């Protein structure tokens, strides 16, 4: 499914556990916060794609989940787990886990982020 924040804001903060499936998030001159700390990963691999066009996204990832991240910027910025990319044009691919020897059976979250005159921040909750 796709969630939009067009010239507005969107907060996805579930206090109760919820099933997480593949999602797309689009912010156009708006932004939002996506808190996945109470998500149940019902698939072995889940993909989240977020686009920030003159807007921004803050994404909180729970502990115990493996993350593969790829991000591209054009006059924007992305901060993923304390590492930043940005400027006129930039691209980065990385893997993040809680520990150097993370459990390979833990769910895998793939995050693809694009920031065009906007920003995306991804961090552990």
PDB file of N, CA and C in Angstrom:
ATOM      1  N   UNK A   1       0.840  -1.176   0.000  1.00  0.00           N
ATOM      2  CA  UNK A   1       0.000   0.000   0.000  1.00  0.00           C
ATOM      3  C   UNK A   1       0.885   1.239   0.000  1.00  0.00           C
ATOM      4  N   UNK A   2       0.297   2.365  -0.325  1.00  0.00           N
ATOM      5  CA  UNK A   2       1.028   3.629  -0.394  1.00  0.00           C
ATOM      6  C   UNK A   2       0.359   4.651   0.520  1.00  0.00           C
ATOM      7  N   UNK A   3       1.192   5.331   1.316  1.00  0.00           N
ATOM      8  CA  UNK A   3       0.727   6.400   2.207  1.00  0.00           C
ATOM      9  C   UNK A   3       1.279   7.717   1.682  1.00  0.00           C
ATOM     10  N   UNK A   4       0.433   8.745   1.602  1.00  0.00           N
ATOM     11  CA  UNK A   4       0.837  10.043   1.074  1.00  0.00           C
ATOM     12  C   UNK A   4       0.764  11.124   2.152  1.00  0.00           C
ATOM     13  N   UNK A   5       1.715  12.063   2.087  1.00  0.00           N
ATOM     14  CA  UNK A   5       1.672  13.287   2.878  1.00  0.00           C
ATOM     15  C   UNK A   5       1.930  14.423   1.888  1.00  0.00           C
ATOM     16  N   UNK A   6       0.860  14.990   1.354  1.00  0.00           N
ATOM     17  CA  UNK A   6       0.964  16.043   0.347  1.00  0.00           C
ATOM     18  C   UNK A   6       0.572  17.362   1.000  1.00  0.00           C
ATOM     19  N   UNK A   7       1.551  18.243   1.144  1.00  0.00           N
ATOM     20  CA  UNK A   7       1.353  19.532   1.798  1.00  0.00           C
ATOM     21  C   UNK A   7       0.689  19.349   3.171  1.00  0.00           C
ATOM     22  N   UNK A   8       1.058  18.269   3.829  1.00  0.00           N
ATOM     23  CA  UNK A   8       0.487  17.966   5.139  1.00  0.00           C
ATOM     24  C   UNK A   8       1.426  17.023   5.874  1.00  0.00           C
ATOM     25  N   UNK A   9       0.984  16.526   7.022  1.00  0.00           N
ATOM     26  CA  UNK A   9       1.787  15.603   7.810  1.00  0.00           C
ATOM     27  C   UNK A   9       1.067  14.282   7.998  1.00  0.00           C
ATOM     28  N   UNK A  10       1.854  13.255   8.299  1.00  0.00           N
ATOM     29  CA  UNK A  10       1.296  11.922   8.522  1.00  0.00           C
ATOM     30  C   UNK A  10       2.094  11.255   9.627  1.00  0.00           C
ATOM     31  N   UNK A  11       1.418  10.762  10.640  1.00  0.00           N
ATOM     32  CA  UNK A  11       2.080  10.036  11.714  1.00  0.00           C
ATOM     33  C   UNK A  11       1.537   8.620  11.753  1.00  0.00           C
ATOM     34  N   UNK A  12       2.437   7.654  11.691  1.00  0.00           N
ATOM     35  CA  UNK A  12       2.062   6.256  11.822  1.00  0.00           C
ATOM     36  C   UNK A  12       2.746   5.728  13.070  1.00  0.00           C
ATOM     37  N   UNK A  13       2.043   5.825  14.185  1.00  0.00           N
ATOM     38  CA  UNK A  13       2.560   5.381  15.478  1.00  0.00           C
ATOM     39  C   UNK A  13       1.508   4.472  16.090  1.00  0.00           C
ATOM     40  N   UNK A  14       1.687   3.194  15.962  1.00  0.00           N
ATOM     41  CA  UNK A  14       0.745   2.247  16.542  1.00  0.00           C
ATOM     42  C   UNK A  14       1.227   1.839  17.924  1.00  0.00           C
ATOM     43  N   UNK A  15       0.394   2.039  18.910  1.00  0.00           N
ATOM     44  CA  UNK A  15       0.752   1.632  20.265  1.00  0.00           C
ATOM     45  C   UNK A  15       0.493   0.144  20.472  1.00  0.00           C
ATOM     46  N   UNK A  16      -0.344  -0.435  19.626  1.00  0.00           N
ATOM     47  CA  UNK A  16      -0.643  -1.858  19.677  1.00  0.00           C
ATOM     48  C   UNK A  16       0.146  -2.568  18.572  1.00  0.00           C
ATOM     49  N   UNK A  17       0.509  -3.825  18.776  1.00  0.00           N
ATOM     50  CA  UNK A  17       1.205  -4.562  17.719  1.00  0.00           C
ATOM     51  C   UNK A  17       0.371  -4.612  16.436  1.00  0.00           C
ATOM     52  N   UNK A  18       1.059  -4.514  15.307  1.00  0.00           N
ATOM     53  CA  UNK A  18       0.389  -4.562  14.008  1.00  0.00           C
ATOM     54  C   UNK A  18       1.253  -5.339  13.025  1.00  0.00           C
ATOM     55  N   UNK A  19       0.617  -5.933  12.029  1.00  0.00           N
ATOM     56  CA  UNK A  19       1.322  -6.692  11.003  1.00  0.00           C
ATOM     57  C   UNK A  19       1.876  -5.725   9.964  1.00  0.00           C
ATOM     58  N   UNK A  20       3.179  -5.830   9.720  1.00  0.00           N
ATOM     59  CA  UNK A  20       3.827  -4.963   8.743  1.00  0.00           C
ATOM     60  C   UNK A  20       4.033  -5.712   7.444  1.00  0.00           C
ATOM     61  N   UNK A  21       3.579  -5.114   6.373  1.00  0.00           N
ATOM     62  CA  UNK A  21       3.798  -5.654   5.034  1.00  0.00           C
ATOM     63  C   UNK A  21       4.467  -4.564   4.208  1.00  0.00           C
ATOM     64  N   UNK A  22       4.845  -4.884   2.981  1.00  0.00           N
ATOM     65  CA  UNK A  22       5.513  -3.914   2.112  1.00  0.00           C
ATOM     66  C   UNK A  22       4.708  -2.619   2.063  1.00  0.00           C
ATOM     67  N   UNK A  23       5.414  -1.483   2.157  1.00  0.00           N
ATOM     68  CA  UNK A  23       4.773  -0.172   2.197  1.00  0.00           C
ATOM     69  C   UNK A  23       5.547   0.827   1.358  1.00  0.00           C
ATOM     70  N   UNK A  24       4.832   1.812   0.825  1.00  0.00           N
ATOM     71  CA  UNK A  24       5.424   2.962   0.145  1.00  0.00           C
ATOM     72  C   UNK A  24       4.965   4.213   0.873  1.00  0.00           C
ATOM     73  N   UNK A  25       5.889   5.142   1.069  1.00  0.00           N
ATOM     74  CA  UNK A  25       5.576   6.410   1.719  1.00  0.00           C
ATOM     75  C   UNK A  25       6.047   7.534   0.807  1.00  0.00           C
ATOM     76  N   UNK A  26       5.142   8.464   0.486  1.00  0.00           N
ATOM     77  CA  UNK A  26       5.456   9.572  -0.408  1.00  0.00           C
ATOM     78  C   UNK A  26       5.125  10.879   0.299  1.00  0.00           C
ATOM     79  N   UNK A  27       6.111  11.766   0.413  1.00  0.00           N
ATOM     80  CA  UNK A  27       5.910  13.091   1.003  1.00  0.00           C
ATOM     81  C   UNK A  27       6.230  14.141  -0.053  1.00  0.00           C
ATOM     82  N   UNK A  28       5.231  14.935  -0.393  1.00  0.00           N
ATOM     83  CA  UNK A  28       5.411  16.023  -1.352  1.00  0.00           C
ATOM     84  C   UNK A  28       5.052  17.314  -0.631  1.00  0.00           C
ATOM     85  N   UNK A  29       6.061  18.117  -0.363  1.00  0.00           N
ATOM     86  CA  UNK A  29       5.894  19.352   0.399  1.00  0.00           C
ATOM     87  C   UNK A  29       5.184  19.064   1.733  1.00  0.00           C
ATOM     88  N   UNK A  30       5.485  17.926   2.299  1.00  0.00           N
ATOM     89  CA  UNK A  30       4.907  17.511   3.573  1.00  0.00           C
ATOM     90  C   UNK A  30       5.877  16.558   4.241  1.00  0.00           C
ATOM     91  N   UNK A  31       5.420  15.839   5.226  1.00  0.00           N
ATOM     92  CA  UNK A  31       6.316  14.912   5.893  1.00  0.00           C
ATOM     93  C   UNK A  31       5.585  14.051   6.884  1.00  0.00           C
ATOM     94  N   UNK A  32       6.358  13.183   7.500  1.00  0.00           N
ATOM     95  CA  UNK A  32       5.719  12.316   8.465  1.00  0.00           C
ATOM     96  C   UNK A  32       6.703  11.511   9.285  1.00  0.00           C
ATOM     97  N   UNK A  33       6.125  10.796  10.245  1.00  0.00           N
ATOM     98  CA  UNK A  33       6.899   9.935  11.119  1.00  0.00           C
ATOM     99  C   UNK A  33       6.308   8.533  11.045  1.00  0.00           C
ATOM    100  N   UNK A  34       7.194   7.558  10.835  1.00  0.00           N
ATOM    101  CA  UNK A  34       6.793   6.159  10.756  1.00  0.00           C
ATOM    102  C   UNK A  34       7.517   5.424  11.881  1.00  0.00           C
ATOM    103  N   UNK A  35       6.758   4.950  12.851  1.00  0.00           N
ATOM    104  CA  UNK A  35       7.322   4.255  14.006  1.00  0.00           C
ATOM    105  C   UNK A  35       6.990   2.767  13.886  1.00  0.00           C
ATOM    106  N   UNK A  36       8.015   1.963  13.658  1.00  0.00           N
ATOM    107  CA  UNK A  36       7.824   0.524  13.463  1.00  0.00           C
ATOM    108  C   UNK A  36       8.128  -0.290  14.718  1.00  0.00           C
ATOM    109  N   UNK A  37       8.230   0.357  15.867  1.00  0.00           N
ATOM    110  CA  UNK A  37       8.649  -0.363  17.075  1.00  0.00           C
ATOM    111  C   UNK A  37       7.659  -1.441  17.501  1.00  0.00           C
ATOM    112  N   UNK A  38       6.393  -1.308  17.173  1.00  0.00           N
ATOM    113  CA  UNK A  38       5.407  -2.326  17.533  1.00  0.00           C
ATOM    114  C   UNK A  38       4.998  -3.200  16.353  1.00  0.00           C
ATOM    115  N   UNK A  39       5.773  -3.141  15.282  1.00  0.00           N
ATOM    116  CA  UNK A  39       5.440  -3.924  14.095  1.00  0.00           C
ATOM    117  C   UNK A  39       5.771  -5.405  14.289  1.00  0.00           C
ATOM    118  N   UNK A  40       4.894  -6.249  13.792  1.00  0.00           N
ATOM    119  CA  UNK A  40       5.161  -7.683  13.698  1.00  0.00           C
ATOM    120  C   UNK A  40       5.546  -7.956  12.253  1.00  0.00           C
ATOM    121  N   UNK A  41       6.737  -8.479  12.062  1.00  0.00           N
ATOM    122  CA  UNK A  41       7.218  -8.769  10.716  1.00  0.00           C
ATOM    123  C   UNK A  41       6.680 -10.131  10.307  1.00  0.00           C
ATOM    124  N   UNK A  42       5.602 -10.117   9.509  1.00  0.00           N
ATOM    125  CA  UNK A  42       4.914 -11.352   9.133  1.00  0.00           C
ATOM    126  C   UNK A  42       5.529 -11.996   7.900  1.00  0.00           C
ATOM    127  N   UNK A  43       6.436 -11.306   7.252  1.00  0.00           N
ATOM    128  CA  UNK A  43       7.155 -11.838   6.095  1.00  0.00           C
ATOM    129  C   UNK A  43       8.621 -11.956   6.481  1.00  0.00           C
ATOM    130  N   UNK A  44       9.346 -12.868   5.838  1.00  0.00           N
ATOM    131  CA  UNK A  44      10.784 -12.976   6.099  1.00  0.00           C
ATOM    132  C   UNK A  44      11.506 -11.714   5.663  1.00  0.00           C
ATOM    133  N   UNK A  45      11.021 -11.101   4.581  1.00  0.00           N
ATOM    134  CA  UNK A  45      11.604  -9.863   4.049  1.00  0.00           C
ATOM    135  C   UNK A  45      10.484  -8.858   3.805  1.00  0.00           C
ATOM    136  N   UNK A  46      10.679  -7.649   4.301  1.00  0.00           N
ATOM    137  CA  UNK A  46       9.702  -6.583   4.119  1.00  0.00           C
ATOM    138  C   UNK A  46      10.417  -5.393   3.496  1.00  0.00           C
ATOM    139  N   UNK A  47       9.774  -4.758   2.521  1.00  0.00           N
ATOM    140  CA  UNK A  47      10.375  -3.612   1.832  1.00  0.00           C
ATOM    141  C   UNK A  47       9.563  -2.351   2.095  1.00  0.00           C
ATOM    142  N   UNK A  48      10.274  -1.309   2.490  1.00  0.00           N
ATOM    143  CA  UNK A  48       9.678   0.015   2.654  1.00  0.00           C
ATOM    144  C   UNK A  48      10.396   0.958   1.700  1.00  0.00           C
ATOM    145  N   UNK A  49       9.618   1.644   0.892  1.00  0.00           N
ATOM    146  CA  UNK A  49      10.160   2.630  -0.035  1.00  0.00           C
ATOM    147  C   UNK A  49       9.621   3.991   0.375  1.00  0.00           C
ATOM    148  N   UNK A  50      10.521   4.973   0.521  1.00  0.00           N
ATOM    149  CA  UNK A  50      10.043   6.305   0.879  1.00  0.00           C
ATOM    150  C   UNK A  50      10.665   7.354  -0.037  1.00  0.00           C
ATOM    151  N   UNK A  51       9.822   8.269  -0.452  1.00  0.00           N
ATOM    152  CA  UNK A  51      10.213   9.374  -1.312  1.00  0.00           C
ATOM    153  C   UNK A  51       9.894  10.668  -0.582  1.00  0.00           C
ATOM    154  N   UNK A  52      10.864  11.558  -0.511  1.00  0.00           N
ATOM    155  CA  UNK A  52      10.676  12.877   0.089  1.00  0.00           C
ATOM    156  C   UNK A  52      10.979  13.922  -0.977  1.00  0.00           C
ATOM    157  N   UNK A  53       9.946  14.541  -1.510  1.00  0.00           N
ATOM    158  CA  UNK A  53      10.073  15.590  -2.517  1.00  0.00           C
ATOM    159  C   UNK A  53       9.694  16.902  -1.840  1.00  0.00           C
ATOM    160  N   UNK A  54      10.709  17.694  -1.511  1.00  0.00           N
ATOM    161  CA  UNK A  54      10.517  18.926  -0.745  1.00  0.00           C
ATOM    162  C   UNK A  54       9.751  18.628   0.548  1.00  0.00           C
ATOM    163  N   UNK A  55      10.079  17.492   1.147  1.00  0.00           N
ATOM    164  CA  UNK A  55       9.446  17.086   2.391  1.00  0.00           C
ATOM    165  C   UNK A  55      10.393  16.176   3.145  1.00  0.00           C
ATOM    166  N   UNK A  56       9.870  15.433   4.104  1.00  0.00           N
ATOM    167  CA  UNK A  56      10.751  14.574   4.873  1.00  0.00           C
ATOM    168  C   UNK A  56      10.040  13.440   5.572  1.00  0.00           C
ATOM    169  N   UNK A  57      10.810  12.413   5.914  1.00  0.00           N
ATOM    170  CA  UNK A  57      10.325  11.254   6.666  1.00  0.00           C
ATOM    171  C   UNK A  57      11.277  10.947   7.805  1.00  0.00           C
ATOM    172  N   UNK A  58      10.732  10.596   8.965  1.00  0.00           N
ATOM    173  CA  UNK A  58      11.490  10.053  10.093  1.00  0.00           C
ATOM    174  C   UNK A  58      10.993   8.633  10.298  1.00  0.00           C
ATOM    175  N   UNK A  59      11.913   7.672  10.215  1.00  0.00           N
ATOM    176  CA  UNK A  59      11.541   6.265  10.342  1.00  0.00           C
ATOM    177  C   UNK A  59      12.277   5.669  11.532  1.00  0.00           C
ATOM    178  N   UNK A  60      11.521   5.029  12.444  1.00  0.00           N
ATOM    179  CA  UNK A  60      12.102   4.368  13.611  1.00  0.00           C
ATOM    180  C   UNK A  60      11.977   2.861  13.421  1.00  0.00           C
ATOM    181  N   UNK A  61      13.125   2.194  13.488  1.00  0.00           N
ATOM    182  CA  UNK A  61      13.202   0.755  13.261  1.00  0.00           C
ATOM    183  C   UNK A  61      13.429   0.064  14.607  1.00  0.00           C
ATOM    184  N   UNK A  62      12.706  -1.026  14.887  1.00  0.00           N
ATOM    185  CA  UNK A  62      12.892  -1.712  16.168  1.00  0.00           C
ATOM    186  C   UNK A  62      14.212  -2.480  16.227  1.00  0.00           C
ATOM    187  N   UNK A  63      14.647  -2.769  17.449  1.00  0.00           N
ATOM    188  CA  UNK A  63      15.835  -3.596  17.652  1.00  0.00           C
ATOM    189  C   UNK A  63      15.525  -5.029  17.217  1.00  0.00           C
ATOM    190  N   UNK A  64      16.558  -5.760  16.887  1.00  0.00           N
ATOM    191  CA  UNK A  64      16.397  -7.165  16.538  1.00  0.00           C
ATOM    192  C   UNK A  64      16.018  -7.425  15.097  1.00  0.00           C
ATOM    193  N   UNK A  65      15.991  -6.386  14.281  1.00  0.00           N
ATOM    194  CA  UNK A  65      15.641  -6.523  12.873  1.00  0.00           C
ATOM    195  C   UNK A  65      16.871  -6.195  12.035  1.00  0.00           C
ATOM    196  N   UNK A  66      17.181  -7.055  11.073  1.00  0.00           N
ATOM    197  CA  UNK A  66      18.266  -6.737  10.140  1.00  0.00           C
ATOM    198  C   UNK A  66      17.743  -5.719   9.127  1.00  0.00           C
ATOM    199  N   UNK A  67      18.603  -4.788   8.731  1.00  0.00           N
ATOM    200  CA  UNK A  67      18.180  -3.743   7.792  1.00  0.00           C
ATOM    201  C   UNK A  67      19.177  -3.651   6.646  1.00  0.00           C
ATOM    202  N   UNK A  68      18.654  -3.649   5.427  1.00  0.00           N
ATOM    203  CA  UNK A  68      19.441  -3.307   4.238  1.00  0.00           C
ATOM    204  C   UNK A  68      18.889  -1.985   3.742  1.00  0.00           C
ATOM    205  N   UNK A  69      19.765  -1.016   3.569  1.00  0.00           N
ATOM    206  CA  UNK A  69      19.353   0.336   3.210  1.00  0.00           C
ATOM    207  C   UNK A  69      20.017   0.757   1.919  1.00  0.00           C
ATOM    208  N   UNK A  70      19.255   1.408   1.058  1.00  0.00           N
ATOM    209  CA  UNK A  70      19.837   2.089  -0.094  1.00  0.00           C
ATOM    210  C   UNK A  70      19.149   3.445  -0.193  1.00  0.00           C
ATOM    211  N   UNK A  71      19.929   4.464  -0.480  1.00  0.00           N
ATOM    212  CA  UNK A  71      19.372   5.798  -0.551  1.00  0.00           C
ATOM    213  C   UNK A  71      20.046   6.636  -1.621  1.00  0.00           C
ATOM    214  N   UNK A  72      19.255   7.518  -2.221  1.00  0.00           N
ATOM    215  CA  UNK A  72      19.755   8.441  -3.232  1.00  0.00           C
ATOM    216  C   UNK A  72      19.203   9.830  -2.939  1.00  0.00           C
ATOM    217  N   UNK A  73      20.038  10.836  -3.167  1.00  0.00           N
ATOM    218  CA  UNK A  73      19.599  12.209  -2.935  1.00  0.00           C
ATOM    219  C   UNK A  73      19.922  13.084  -4.146  1.00  0.00           C
ATOM    220  N   UNK A  74      19.106  14.085  -4.336  1.00  0.00           N
ATOM    221  CA  UNK A  74      19.352  15.143  -5.305  1.00  0.00           C
ATOM    222  C   UNK A  74      19.001  16.432  -4.577  1.00  0.00           C
ATOM    223  N   UNK A  75      20.004  17.189  -4.194  1.00  0.00           N
ATOM    224  CA  UNK A  75      19.815  18.410  -3.403  1.00  0.00           C
ATOM    225  C   UNK A  75      19.021  18.120  -2.132  1.00  0.00           C
ATOM    226  N   UNK A  76      19.313  16.988  -1.516  1.00  0.00           N
ATOM    227  CA  UNK A  76      18.626  16.615  -0.284  1.00  0.00           C
ATOM    228  C   UNK A  76      19.593  15.894   0.635  1.00  0.00           C
ATOM    229  N   UNK A  77      19.057  15.259   1.658  1.00  0.00           N
ATOM    230  CA  UNK A  77      19.906  14.549   2.592  1.00  0.00           C
ATOM    231  C   UNK A  77      19.206  13.359   3.212  1.00  0.00           C
ATOM    232  N   UNK A  78      19.997  12.343   3.526  1.00  0.00           N
ATOM    233  CA  UNK A  78      19.500  11.156   4.209  1.00  0.00           C
ATOM    234  C   UNK A  78      20.470  10.813   5.323  1.00  0.00           C
ATOM    235  N   UNK A  79      19.926  10.555   6.507  1.00  0.00           N
ATOM    236  CA  UNK A  79      20.744  10.053   7.607  1.00  0.00           C
ATOM    237  C   UNK A  79      20.192   8.688   7.986  1.00  0.00           C
ATOM    238  N   UNK A  80      21.046   7.675   7.889  1.00  0.00           N
ATOM    239  CA  UNK A  80      20.645   6.310   8.209  1.00  0.00           C
ATOM    240  C   UNK A  80      21.577   5.758   9.276  1.00  0.00           C
ATOM    241  N   UNK A  81      21.030   5.537  10.465  1.00  0.00           N
ATOM    242  CA  UNK A  81      21.774   4.933  11.575  1.00  0.00           C
ATOM    243  C   UNK A  81      23.068   5.690  11.868  1.00  0.00           C
ATOM    244  N   UNK A  82      22.987   7.022  11.841  1.00  0.00           N
ATOM    245  CA  UNK A  82      24.128   7.848  12.180  1.00  0.00           C
ATOM    246  C   UNK A  82      25.066   8.173  11.028  1.00  0.00           C
ATOM    247  N   UNK A  83      24.855   7.592   9.854  1.00  0.00           N
ATOM    248  CA  UNK A  83      25.668   7.910   8.679  1.00  0.00           C
ATOM    249  C   UNK A  83      24.849   8.784   7.740  1.00  0.00           C
ATOM    250  N   UNK A  84      25.467   9.859   7.262  1.00  0.00           N
ATOM    251  CA  UNK A  84      24.752  10.820   6.432  1.00  0.00           C
ATOM    252  C   UNK A  84      25.240  10.792   4.991  1.00  0.00           C
ATOM    253  N   UNK A  85      24.291  11.043   4.092  1.00  0.00           N
ATOM    254  CA  UNK A  85      24.630  11.291   2.693  1.00  0.00           C
ATOM    255  C   UNK A  85      23.824  12.503   2.255  1.00  0.00           C
ATOM    256  N   UNK A  86      24.327  13.224   1.307  1.00  0.00           N
ATOM    257  CA  UNK A  86      23.595  14.381   0.827  1.00  0.00           C
ATOM    258  C   UNK A  86      24.449  15.232  -0.071  1.00  0.00           C
ATOM    259  N   UNK A  87      23.859  16.331  -0.472  1.00  0.00           N
ATOM    260  CA  UNK A  87      24.544  17.235  -1.383  1.00  0.00           C
ATOM    261  C   UNK A  87      23.794  17.343  -2.686  1.00  0.00           C
ATOM    262  N   UNK A  88      24.529  17.650  -3.725  1.00  0.00           N
ATOM    263  CA  UNK A  88      23.880  17.801  -5.027  1.00  0.00           C
ATOM    264  C   UNK A  88      23.349  16.455  -5.506  1.00  0.00           C
ATOM    265  N   UNK A  89      24.216  15.456  -5.567  1.00  0.00           N
ATOM    266  CA  UNK A  89      23.805  14.097  -5.933  1.00  0.00           C
ATOM    267  C   UNK A  89      24.608  13.132  -5.076  1.00  0.00           C
ATOM    268  N   UNK A  90      23.942  12.167  -4.458  1.00  0.00           N
ATOM    269  CA  UNK A  90      24.645  11.191  -3.631  1.00  0.00           C
ATOM    270  C   UNK A  90      23.871   9.881  -3.634  1.00  0.00           C
ATOM    271  N   UNK A  91      24.582   8.783  -3.373  1.00  0.00           N
ATOM    272  CA  UNK A  91      23.962   7.458  -3.291  1.00  0.00           C
ATOM    273  C   UNK A  91      24.730   6.627  -2.273  1.00  0.00           C
ATOM    274  N   UNK A  92      24.025   5.803  -1.519  1.00  0.00           N
ATOM    275  CA  UNK A  92      24.673   4.952  -0.521  1.00  0.00           C
ATOM    276  C   UNK A  92      23.890   3.661  -0.372  1.00  0.00           C
ATOM    277  N   UNK A  93      24.623   2.576  -0.146  1.00  0.00           N
ATOM    278  CA  UNK A  93      24.034   1.278   0.163  1.00  0.00           C
ATOM    279  C   UNK A  93      24.723   0.773   1.417  1.00  0.00           C
ATOM    280  N   UNK A  94      23.951   0.267   2.392  1.00  0.00           N
ATOM    281  CA  UNK A  94      24.556  -0.245   3.616  1.00  0.00           C
ATOM    282  C   UNK A  94      23.678  -1.297   4.256  1.00  0.00           C
ATOM    283  N   UNK A  95      24.261  -2.067   5.141  1.00  0.00           N
ATOM    284  CA  UNK A  95      23.545  -3.035   5.955  1.00  0.00           C
ATOM    285  C   UNK A  95      23.751  -2.636   7.404  1.00  0.00           C
ATOM    286  N   UNK A  96      22.687  -2.685   8.187  1.00  0.00           N
ATOM    287  CA  UNK A  96      22.778  -2.317   9.601  1.00  0.00           C
ATOM    288  C   UNK A  96      22.140  -3.406  10.443  1.00  0.00           C
ATOM    289  N   UNK A  97      22.785  -3.747  11.525  1.00  0.00           N
ATOM    290  CA  UNK A  97      22.212  -4.695  12.474  1.00  0.00           C
ATOM    291  C   UNK A  97      22.568  -4.233  13.872  1.00  0.00           C
ATOM    292  N   UNK A  98      21.923  -4.821  14.859  1.00  0.00           N
ATOM    293  CA  UNK A  98      22.170  -4.410  16.242  1.00  0.00           C
ATOM    294  C   UNK A  98      23.565  -4.792  16.703  1.00  0.00           C
ATOM    295  N   UNK A  99      24.066  -5.894  16.190  1.00  0.00           N
ATOM    296  CA  UNK A  99      25.370  -6.399  16.603  1.00  0.00           C
ATOM    297  C   UNK A  99      26.133  -6.843  15.366  1.00  0.00           C
ATOM    298  N   UNK A 100      27.454  -6.912  15.450  1.00  0.00           N
ATOM    299  CA  UNK A 100      28.228  -7.357  14.295  1.00  0.00           C
ATOM    300  C   UNK A 100      27.854  -8.768  13.836  1.00  0.00           C
ATOM    301  N   UNK A 101      27.415  -9.613  14.758  1.00  0.00           N
ATOM    302  CA  UNK A 101      27.040 -10.978  14.402  1.00  0.00           C
ATOM    303  C   UNK A 101      25.553 -11.174  14.643  1.00  0.00           C
ATOM    304  N   UNK A 102      24.753 -10.431  13.912  1.00  0.00           N
ATOM    305  CA  UNK A 102      23.304 -10.469  14.096  1.00  0.00           C
ATOM    306  C   UNK A 102      22.742 -11.832  13.721  1.00  0.00           C
ATOM    307  N   UNK A 103      21.630 -12.162  14.325  1.00  0.00           N
ATOM    308  CA  UNK A 103      20.942 -13.409  14.058  1.00  0.00           C
ATOM    309  C   UNK A 103      20.455 -13.412  12.608  1.00  0.00           C
ATOM    310  N   UNK A 104      20.965 -14.339  11.815  1.00  0.00           N
ATOM    311  CA  UNK A 104      20.593 -14.397  10.395  1.00  0.00           C
ATOM    312  C   UNK A 104      19.144 -14.829  10.194  1.00  0.00           C
ATOM    313  N   UNK A 105      18.485 -15.328  11.241  1.00  0.00           N
ATOM    314  CA  UNK A 105      17.082 -15.711  11.112  1.00  0.00           C
ATOM    315  C   UNK A 105      16.145 -14.559  11.461  1.00  0.00           C
ATOM    316  N   UNK A 106      16.713 -13.436  11.918  1.00  0.00           N
ATOM    317  CA  UNK A 106      15.890 -12.264  12.239  1.00  0.00           C
ATOM    318  C   UNK A 106      15.242 -11.736  10.966  1.00  0.00           C
ATOM    319  N   UNK A 107      14.087 -11.102  11.078  1.00  0.00           N
ATOM    320  CA  UNK A 107      13.435 -10.544   9.892  1.00  0.00           C
ATOM    321  C   UNK A 107      14.345  -9.523   9.202  1.00  0.00           C
ATOM    322  N   UNK A 108      14.208  -9.437   7.882  1.00  0.00           N
ATOM    323  CA  UNK A 108      14.987  -8.486   7.088  1.00  0.00           C
ATOM    324  C   UNK A 108      14.071  -7.367   6.625  1.00  0.00           C
ATOM    325  N   UNK A 109      14.468  -6.132   6.917  1.00  0.00           N
ATOM    326  CA  UNK A 109      13.742  -4.949   6.471  1.00  0.00           C
ATOM    327  C   UNK A 109      14.605  -4.247   5.434  1.00  0.00           C
ATOM    328  N   UNK A 110      14.073  -4.126   4.235  1.00  0.00           N
ATOM    329  CA  UNK A 110      14.767  -3.385   3.177  1.00  0.00           C
ATOM    330  C   UNK A 110      14.131  -2.003   3.089  1.00  0.00           C
ATOM    331  N   UNK A 111      14.979  -0.981   3.182  1.00  0.00           N
ATOM    332  CA  UNK A 111      14.496   0.396   3.082  1.00  0.00           C
ATOM    333  C   UNK A 111      15.168   1.052   1.886  1.00  0.00           C
ATOM    334  N   UNK A 112      14.354   1.556   0.973  1.00  0.00           N
ATOM    335  CA  UNK A 112      14.838   2.311  -0.182  1.00  0.00           C
ATOM    336  C   UNK A 112      14.329   3.742  -0.005  1.00  0.00           C
ATOM    337  N   UNK A 113      15.243   4.704   0.018  1.00  0.00           N
ATOM    338  CA  UNK A 113      14.860   6.094   0.255  1.00  0.00           C
ATOM    339  C   UNK A 113      15.400   6.989  -0.851  1.00  0.00           C
ATOM    340  N   UNK A 114      14.562   7.923  -1.278  1.00  0.00           N
ATOM    341  CA  UNK A 114      14.960   8.946  -2.230  1.00  0.00           C
ATOM    342  C   UNK A 114      14.556  10.298  -1.650  1.00  0.00           C
ATOM    343  N   UNK A 115      15.494  11.250  -1.692  1.00  0.00           N
ATOM    344  CA  UNK A 115      15.226  12.591  -1.189  1.00  0.00           C
ATOM    345  C   UNK A 115      15.564  13.595  -2.283  1.00  0.00           C
ATOM    346  N   UNK A 116      14.553  14.291  -2.765  1.00  0.00           N
ATOM    347  CA  UNK A 116      14.721  15.327  -3.777  1.00  0.00           C
ATOM    348  C   UNK A 116      14.324  16.646  -3.127  1.00  0.00           C
ATOM    349  N   UNK A 117      15.306  17.474  -2.807  1.00  0.00           N
ATOM    350  CA  UNK A 117      15.063  18.714  -2.073  1.00  0.00           C
ATOM    351  C   UNK A 117      14.343  18.414  -0.745  1.00  0.00           C
ATOM    352  N   UNK A 118      14.643  17.266  -0.169  1.00  0.00           N
ATOM    353  CA  UNK A 118      14.001  16.867   1.078  1.00  0.00           C
ATOM    354  C   UNK A 118      14.949  16.048   1.920  1.00  0.00           C
ATOM    355  N   UNK A 119      14.402  15.351   2.903  1.00  0.00           N
ATOM    356  CA  UNK A 119      15.252  14.569   3.779  1.00  0.00           C
ATOM    357  C   UNK A 119      14.565  13.346   4.343  1.00  0.00           C
ATOM    358  N   UNK A 120      15.379  12.349   4.684  1.00  0.00           N
ATOM    359  CA  UNK A 120      14.897  11.125   5.317  1.00  0.00           C
ATOM    360  C   UNK A 120      15.854  10.787   6.450  1.00  0.00           C
ATOM    361  N   UNK A 121      15.303  10.455   7.630  1.00  0.00           N
ATOM    362  CA  UNK A 121      16.123  10.026   8.751  1.00  0.00           C
ATOM    363  C   UNK A 121      15.630   8.655   9.194  1.00  0.00           C
ATOM    364  N   UNK A 122      16.568   7.706   9.300  1.00  0.00           N
ATOM    365  CA  UNK A 122      16.248   6.346   9.724  1.00  0.00           C
ATOM    366  C   UNK A 122      17.105   6.055  10.946  1.00  0.00           C
ATOM    367  N   UNK A 123      16.453   5.600  12.022  1.00  0.00           N
ATOM    368  CA  UNK A 123      17.204   5.319  13.246  1.00  0.00           C
ATOM    369  C   UNK A 123      16.544   4.180  14.008  1.00  0.00           C
ATOM    370  N   UNK A 124      17.315   3.611  14.936  1.00  0.00           N
ATOM    371  CA  UNK A 124      16.772   2.590  15.823  1.00  0.00           C
ATOM    372  C   UNK A 124      15.917   3.272  16.891  1.00  0.00           C
ATOM    373  N   UNK A 125      14.848   2.625  17.242  1.00  0.00           N
ATOM    374  CA  UNK A 125      13.956   3.171  18.265  1.00  0.00           C
ATOM    375  C   UNK A 125      14.564   3.059  19.641  1.00  0.00           C
TER     376      UNK A 125
END
